[in-house]
Amino acid sequence: QVHLVESGGGLVQPGGSLRLSCVASGSIFRPNAMGWYRQAPGKQRELVAFFSSMGGTNYADSVRGRFTISRDNAKKTVYLQMNSLKPEDTAVYFCNRVVGPFASWGQGTQVMVSS
């Protein structure tokens, strides 16, 4: 059973933008506990943006001011708007909860930033 389906990745030039989407099954989606992670080649998976339990949003220092997380509760979908992309943003992007129990990881969506 697939719980998380990410999409929207692709190849983009430095300075470009992408919008990622993640559809979560009803039992997984938690409006104030969803986030976006990424894993670059040879590196550990890191949390880059998430909704906090207080209802706000939080970002890793490396993406703050460039990435924006949003959601559509009715569609059980989380988005990540990525602007001013840099080569170091190249990674596979995943969504999941940020507090347990975590869902099984989806396939992710590949983002490559290159000229």
C-alpha atoms as a PDB file:
ATOM      1  CA  GLN A   1       0.000   0.000   0.000  1.00  0.00           C
ATOM      2  CA  VAL A   2       1.458   3.323  -1.095  1.00  0.00           C
ATOM      3  CA  HIS A   3       1.111   6.058   1.479  1.00  0.00           C
ATOM      4  CA  LEU A   4       3.200   8.874   0.010  1.00  0.00           C
ATOM      5  CA  VAL A   5       3.578   9.850  -3.626  1.00  0.00           C
ATOM      6  CA  GLU A   6       5.984  12.657  -4.515  1.00  0.00           C
ATOM      7  CA  SER A   7       6.152  14.393  -7.898  1.00  0.00           C
ATOM      8  CA  GLY A   8       7.289  17.560  -9.620  1.00  0.00           C
ATOM      9  CA  GLY A   9      11.044  17.090  -9.742  1.00  0.00           C
ATOM     10  CA  GLY A  10      13.198  17.551 -12.785  1.00  0.00           C
ATOM     11  CA  LEU A  11      16.252  19.195 -14.275  1.00  0.00           C
ATOM     12  CA  VAL A  12      16.484  22.939 -13.799  1.00  0.00           C
ATOM     13  CA  GLN A  13      19.184  25.539 -14.284  1.00  0.00           C
ATOM     14  CA  PRO A  14      20.666  27.399 -11.333  1.00  0.00           C
ATOM     15  CA  GLY A  15      18.336  30.199 -10.329  1.00  0.00           C
ATOM     16  CA  GLY A  16      15.305  28.331 -11.569  1.00  0.00           C
ATOM     17  CA  SER A  17      12.203  27.139  -9.750  1.00  0.00           C
ATOM     18  CA  LEU A  18      10.299  23.934  -9.196  1.00  0.00           C
ATOM     19  CA  ARG A  19       7.163  23.045  -7.290  1.00  0.00           C
ATOM     20  CA  LEU A  20       7.032  19.626  -5.670  1.00  0.00           C
ATOM     21  CA  SER A  21       3.852  17.863  -4.597  1.00  0.00           C
ATOM     22  CA  CYS A  22       3.265  15.038  -2.167  1.00  0.00           C
ATOM     23  CA  VAL A  23      -0.044  13.232  -1.869  1.00  0.00           C
ATOM     24  CA  ALA A  24      -0.501  11.355   1.391  1.00  0.00           C
ATOM     25  CA  SER A  25      -3.054   8.728   2.174  1.00  0.00           C
ATOM     26  CA  GLY A  26      -5.664   9.770   4.653  1.00  0.00           C
ATOM     27  CA  SER A  27      -4.236   7.860   7.576  1.00  0.00           C
ATOM     28  CA  ILE A  28      -0.786   9.393   7.105  1.00  0.00           C
ATOM     29  CA  PHE A  29      -1.616  13.024   6.496  1.00  0.00           C
ATOM     30  CA  ARG A  30      -1.274  15.244   9.540  1.00  0.00           C
ATOM     31  CA  PRO A  31      -1.598  18.970   8.770  1.00  0.00           C
ATOM     32  CA  ASN A  32       0.837  20.073  11.457  1.00  0.00           C
ATOM     33  CA  ALA A  33       3.251  17.184  11.228  1.00  0.00           C
ATOM     34  CA  MET A  34       4.267  16.932   7.588  1.00  0.00           C
ATOM     35  CA  GLY A  35       7.572  17.903   6.110  1.00  0.00           C
ATOM     36  CA  TRP A  36       9.919  17.664   3.170  1.00  0.00           C
ATOM     37  CA  TYR A  37      13.226  15.852   3.344  1.00  0.00           C
ATOM     38  CA  ARG A  38      16.006  15.456   0.829  1.00  0.00           C
ATOM     39  CA  GLN A  39      18.893  13.099   0.296  1.00  0.00           C
ATOM     40  CA  ALA A  40      21.839  14.037  -1.858  1.00  0.00           C
ATOM     41  CA  PRO A  41      24.191  11.386  -3.253  1.00  0.00           C
ATOM     42  CA  GLY A  42      26.464  10.059  -0.544  1.00  0.00           C
ATOM     43  CA  LYS A  43      24.756  12.084   2.187  1.00  0.00           C
ATOM     44  CA  GLN A  44      22.216  11.390   4.899  1.00  0.00           C
ATOM     45  CA  ARG A  45      18.609  12.344   4.499  1.00  0.00           C
ATOM     46  CA  GLU A  46      17.908  15.789   5.944  1.00  0.00           C
ATOM     47  CA  LEU A  47      14.747  17.641   6.868  1.00  0.00           C
ATOM     48  CA  VAL A  48      14.462  20.878   4.899  1.00  0.00           C
ATOM     49  CA  ALA A  49      10.964  22.217   5.595  1.00  0.00           C
ATOM     50  CA  PHE A  50       8.096  21.285   7.860  1.00  0.00           C
ATOM     51  CA  PHE A  51       4.942  22.359   9.618  1.00  0.00           C
ATOM     52  CA  SER A  52       5.307  22.659  13.356  1.00  0.00           C
ATOM     53  CA  SER A  53       2.829  21.474  15.936  1.00  0.00           C
ATOM     54  CA  MET A  54       2.033  25.133  16.648  1.00  0.00           C
ATOM     55  CA  GLY A  55       0.940  25.609  13.040  1.00  0.00           C
ATOM     56  CA  GLY A  56       3.922  27.538  11.777  1.00  0.00           C
ATOM     57  CA  THR A  57       6.556  26.596   9.249  1.00  0.00           C
ATOM     58  CA  ASN A  58      10.225  25.864   9.734  1.00  0.00           C
ATOM     59  CA  TYR A  59      13.118  25.671   7.333  1.00  0.00           C
ATOM     60  CA  ALA A  60      16.678  24.481   7.284  1.00  0.00           C
ATOM     61  CA  ASP A  61      19.136  27.354   7.136  1.00  0.00           C
ATOM     62  CA  SER A  62      20.284  26.223   3.703  1.00  0.00           C
ATOM     63  CA  VAL A  63      16.845  26.777   2.133  1.00  0.00           C
ATOM     64  CA  ARG A  64      15.277  29.513   4.250  1.00  0.00           C
ATOM     65  CA  GLY A  65      14.108  32.399   2.106  1.00  0.00           C
ATOM     66  CA  ARG A  66      14.140  30.287  -1.060  1.00  0.00           C
ATOM     67  CA  PHE A  67      11.780  27.388  -0.295  1.00  0.00           C
ATOM     68  CA  THR A  68       8.168  27.586   0.863  1.00  0.00           C
ATOM     69  CA  ILE A  69       6.129  24.700   2.231  1.00  0.00           C
ATOM     70  CA  SER A  70       2.369  24.741   1.920  1.00  0.00           C
ATOM     71  CA  ARG A  71      -0.493  22.287   2.033  1.00  0.00           C
ATOM     72  CA  ASP A  72      -4.029  21.580   0.900  1.00  0.00           C
ATOM     73  CA  ASN A  73      -5.747  19.712   3.702  1.00  0.00           C
ATOM     74  CA  ALA A  74      -8.727  18.739   1.579  1.00  0.00           C
ATOM     75  CA  LYS A  75      -6.436  17.114  -0.975  1.00  0.00           C
ATOM     76  CA  LYS A  76      -4.079  15.731   1.684  1.00  0.00           C
ATOM     77  CA  THR A  77      -1.268  17.236  -0.329  1.00  0.00           C
ATOM     78  CA  VAL A  78       1.888  19.009   0.742  1.00  0.00           C
ATOM     79  CA  TYR A  79       3.801  21.291  -1.612  1.00  0.00           C
ATOM     80  CA  LEU A  80       7.319  22.646  -1.722  1.00  0.00           C
ATOM     81  CA  GLN A  81       7.911  25.722  -3.831  1.00  0.00           C
ATOM     82  CA  MET A  82      11.613  25.971  -4.537  1.00  0.00           C
ATOM     83  CA  ASN A  83      13.019  29.211  -5.954  1.00  0.00           C
ATOM     84  CA  SER A  84      16.542  30.410  -6.659  1.00  0.00           C
ATOM     85  CA  LEU A  85      17.696  26.835  -6.913  1.00  0.00           C
ATOM     86  CA  LYS A  86      21.378  26.066  -6.479  1.00  0.00           C
ATOM     87  CA  PRO A  87      23.447  23.071  -7.580  1.00  0.00           C
ATOM     88  CA  GLU A  88      23.689  22.028  -3.923  1.00  0.00           C
ATOM     89  CA  ASP A  89      19.909  21.566  -3.878  1.00  0.00           C
ATOM     90  CA  THR A  90      20.369  18.541  -6.131  1.00  0.00           C
ATOM     91  CA  ALA A  91      18.864  15.579  -4.289  1.00  0.00           C
ATOM     92  CA  VAL A  92      15.955  13.199  -4.129  1.00  0.00           C
ATOM     93  CA  TYR A  93      13.131  14.888  -2.248  1.00  0.00           C
ATOM     94  CA  PHE A  94      10.727  13.010  -0.012  1.00  0.00           C
ATOM     95  CA  CYS A  95       7.837  13.919   2.196  1.00  0.00           C
ATOM     96  CA  ASN A  96       6.817  12.252   5.441  1.00  0.00           C
ATOM     97  CA  ARG A  97       5.665  13.064   8.897  1.00  0.00           C
ATOM     98  CA  VAL A  98       8.135  14.846  11.141  1.00  0.00           C
ATOM     99  CA  VAL A  99       6.919  13.095  14.282  1.00  0.00           C
ATOM    100  CA  GLY A 100       6.241   9.388  14.658  1.00  0.00           C
ATOM    101  CA  PRO A 101       4.831   7.097  13.639  1.00  0.00           C
ATOM    102  CA  PHE A 102       6.458   7.668  10.289  1.00  0.00           C
ATOM    103  CA  ALA A 103       5.055   6.303   7.080  1.00  0.00           C
ATOM    104  CA  SER A 104       7.018   4.084   4.770  1.00  0.00           C
ATOM    105  CA  TRP A 105       9.125   6.278   2.530  1.00  0.00           C
ATOM    106  CA  GLY A 106       7.863   6.917  -0.967  1.00  0.00           C
ATOM    107  CA  GLN A 107       9.925   6.837  -4.136  1.00  0.00           C
ATOM    108  CA  GLY A 108      10.775  10.485  -3.838  1.00  0.00           C
ATOM    109  CA  THR A 109      11.222  12.893  -6.715  1.00  0.00           C
ATOM    110  CA  GLN A 110      14.604  13.723  -8.222  1.00  0.00           C
ATOM    111  CA  VAL A 111      15.680  17.357  -8.412  1.00  0.00           C
ATOM    112  CA  MET A 112      18.788  18.171 -10.384  1.00  0.00           C
ATOM    113  CA  VAL A 113      20.112  21.712 -10.589  1.00  0.00           C
ATOM    114  CA  SER A 114      22.690  22.056 -13.291  1.00  0.00           C
ATOM    115  CA  SER A 115      23.626  24.288 -16.185  1.00  0.00           C
END
